[in-house]
Amino acid sequence: MTRKRRASAAKWSDPDEAPELTADWFRKADLYHGKALVRRGRPRLAAPKRLTSLRLDPDVLAHFRKSGAGWQSRINLALRKAAGLGKR
């Protein structure tokens, strides 16, 4: 029978030993406008792509995969063309 391990003692840290607040720290800090967090990075798309499951014939899949990176986007483009939707 195994015994329950005892919780390890929490390490105490002295608040006076807090790291220095450098310009780099402030550059990475969160930015707020009022109570709203300002998101960094790329803005969200108005119509983001949706994840779906699709069954394709092995030869169709091999054809797109052999063309290298971006094969999923090329399948999407081929489906748009077949549906008469054109490029986005």
C-alpha atoms as a PDB file:
ATOM      1  CA  MET A   1       0.000   0.000   0.000  1.00  0.00           C
ATOM      2  CA  THR A   2       1.378   3.417  -0.864  1.00  0.00           C
ATOM      3  CA  ARG A   3       1.339   6.244   1.579  1.00  0.00           C
ATOM      4  CA  LYS A   4       0.020   9.678   0.885  1.00  0.00           C
ATOM      5  CA  ARG A   5       2.887  12.076   0.367  1.00  0.00           C
ATOM      6  CA  ARG A   6       3.101  14.997   2.697  1.00  0.00           C
ATOM      7  CA  ALA A   7       2.729  18.413   1.171  1.00  0.00           C
ATOM      8  CA  SER A   8       6.055  20.137   0.724  1.00  0.00           C
ATOM      9  CA  ALA A   9       6.670  23.244   2.728  1.00  0.00           C
ATOM     10  CA  ALA A  10       5.983  26.477   0.882  1.00  0.00           C
ATOM     11  CA  LYS A  11       9.064  28.534   0.190  1.00  0.00           C
ATOM     12  CA  TRP A  12       8.886  31.920   1.807  1.00  0.00           C
ATOM     13  CA  SER A  13      10.038  34.849  -0.228  1.00  0.00           C
ATOM     14  CA  ASP A  14      10.931  38.221   1.142  1.00  0.00           C
ATOM     15  CA  PRO A  15       8.825  40.969  -0.490  1.00  0.00           C
ATOM     16  CA  ASP A  16      11.881  43.225  -0.352  1.00  0.00           C
ATOM     17  CA  GLU A  17      13.568  40.859  -2.791  1.00  0.00           C
ATOM     18  CA  ALA A  18      11.048  41.578  -5.553  1.00  0.00           C
ATOM     19  CA  PRO A  19      12.572  41.909  -9.018  1.00  0.00           C
ATOM     20  CA  GLU A  20      13.366  45.360 -10.316  1.00  0.00           C
ATOM     21  CA  LEU A  21      10.729  46.841 -12.600  1.00  0.00           C
ATOM     22  CA  THR A  22      12.675  47.500 -15.775  1.00  0.00           C
ATOM     23  CA  ALA A  23      11.665  49.087 -19.079  1.00  0.00           C
ATOM     24  CA  ASP A  24      11.474  45.558 -20.528  1.00  0.00           C
ATOM     25  CA  TRP A  25       8.988  44.530 -17.839  1.00  0.00           C
ATOM     26  CA  PHE A  26       6.762  47.532 -18.605  1.00  0.00           C
ATOM     27  CA  ARG A  27       6.965  46.829 -22.364  1.00  0.00           C
ATOM     28  CA  LYS A  28       5.545  43.329 -21.780  1.00  0.00           C
ATOM     29  CA  ALA A  29       2.919  44.439 -19.218  1.00  0.00           C
ATOM     30  CA  ASP A  30      -0.821  44.360 -19.971  1.00  0.00           C
ATOM     31  CA  LEU A  31      -2.378  47.595 -21.190  1.00  0.00           C
ATOM     32  CA  TYR A  32      -5.852  48.668 -20.060  1.00  0.00           C
ATOM     33  CA  HIS A  33      -8.205  51.385 -21.307  1.00  0.00           C
ATOM     34  CA  GLY A  34     -10.455  51.824 -18.306  1.00  0.00           C
ATOM     35  CA  LYS A  35     -11.377  48.283 -17.280  1.00  0.00           C
ATOM     36  CA  ALA A  36     -10.973  46.831 -20.781  1.00  0.00           C
ATOM     37  CA  LEU A  37      -7.811  44.874 -21.556  1.00  0.00           C
ATOM     38  CA  VAL A  38      -6.223  45.953 -24.824  1.00  0.00           C
ATOM     39  CA  ARG A  39      -5.339  42.804 -26.774  1.00  0.00           C
ATOM     40  CA  ARG A  40      -1.962  42.589 -28.440  1.00  0.00           C
ATOM     41  CA  GLY A  41      -1.082  40.930 -31.689  1.00  0.00           C
ATOM     42  CA  ARG A  42      -3.183  40.482 -34.782  1.00  0.00           C
ATOM     43  CA  PRO A  43      -6.736  41.784 -34.685  1.00  0.00           C
ATOM     44  CA  ARG A  44      -9.469  39.181 -34.743  1.00  0.00           C
ATOM     45  CA  LEU A  45     -10.871  38.334 -38.165  1.00  0.00           C
ATOM     46  CA  ALA A  46     -14.442  39.320 -38.979  1.00  0.00           C
ATOM     47  CA  ALA A  47     -15.052  35.857 -40.477  1.00  0.00           C
ATOM     48  CA  PRO A  48     -12.468  33.406 -39.088  1.00  0.00           C
ATOM     49  CA  LYS A  49     -12.108  29.966 -40.648  1.00  0.00           C
ATOM     50  CA  ARG A  50     -13.864  27.128 -38.855  1.00  0.00           C
ATOM     51  CA  LEU A  51     -12.421  23.755 -38.013  1.00  0.00           C
ATOM     52  CA  THR A  52     -14.219  20.862 -39.696  1.00  0.00           C
ATOM     53  CA  SER A  53     -13.661  17.217 -40.461  1.00  0.00           C
ATOM     54  CA  LEU A  54     -13.666  16.186 -44.102  1.00  0.00           C
ATOM     55  CA  ARG A  55     -13.076  12.816 -45.738  1.00  0.00           C
ATOM     56  CA  LEU A  56     -11.051  12.986 -48.951  1.00  0.00           C
ATOM     57  CA  ASP A  57      -9.861  10.294 -51.330  1.00  0.00           C
ATOM     58  CA  PRO A  58      -6.214   9.340 -50.681  1.00  0.00           C
ATOM     59  CA  ASP A  59      -5.077  10.407 -54.163  1.00  0.00           C
ATOM     60  CA  VAL A  60      -6.718  13.846 -53.798  1.00  0.00           C
ATOM     61  CA  LEU A  61      -5.079  14.361 -50.445  1.00  0.00           C
ATOM     62  CA  ALA A  62      -1.685  13.184 -51.764  1.00  0.00           C
ATOM     63  CA  HIS A  63      -1.969  15.590 -54.721  1.00  0.00           C
ATOM     64  CA  PHE A  64      -2.396  18.624 -52.441  1.00  0.00           C
ATOM     65  CA  ARG A  65       0.123  17.491 -49.810  1.00  0.00           C
ATOM     66  CA  LYS A  66       2.912  16.888 -52.330  1.00  0.00           C
ATOM     67  CA  SER A  67       2.793  20.571 -53.285  1.00  0.00           C
ATOM     68  CA  GLY A  68       4.195  21.441 -49.845  1.00  0.00           C
ATOM     69  CA  ALA A  69       3.214  23.817 -47.076  1.00  0.00           C
ATOM     70  CA  GLY A  70      -0.101  25.575 -47.516  1.00  0.00           C
ATOM     71  CA  TRP A  71      -1.875  22.548 -48.964  1.00  0.00           C
ATOM     72  CA  GLN A  72      -4.928  23.115 -46.753  1.00  0.00           C
ATOM     73  CA  SER A  73      -5.279  26.668 -48.063  1.00  0.00           C
ATOM     74  CA  ARG A  74      -5.031  25.344 -51.619  1.00  0.00           C
ATOM     75  CA  ILE A  75      -7.825  22.847 -50.917  1.00  0.00           C
ATOM     76  CA  ASN A  76      -9.908  25.730 -49.542  1.00  0.00           C
ATOM     77  CA  LEU A  77      -9.216  27.767 -52.690  1.00  0.00           C
ATOM     78  CA  ALA A  78     -10.158  24.821 -54.943  1.00  0.00           C
ATOM     79  CA  LEU A  79     -13.423  24.353 -53.010  1.00  0.00           C
ATOM     80  CA  ARG A  80     -14.217  28.082 -53.267  1.00  0.00           C
ATOM     81  CA  LYS A  81     -13.586  27.948 -57.013  1.00  0.00           C
ATOM     82  CA  ALA A  82     -15.800  24.843 -57.413  1.00  0.00           C
ATOM     83  CA  ALA A  83     -18.560  26.565 -55.426  1.00  0.00           C
ATOM     84  CA  GLY A  84     -18.272  29.711 -57.566  1.00  0.00           C
ATOM     85  CA  LEU A  85     -17.316  31.890 -54.611  1.00  0.00           C
ATOM     86  CA  GLY A  86     -14.076  33.283 -56.016  1.00  0.00           C
ATOM     87  CA  LYS A  87     -11.063  34.387 -53.999  1.00  0.00           C
ATOM     88  CA  ARG A  88     -11.394  36.169 -50.665  1.00  0.00           C
END
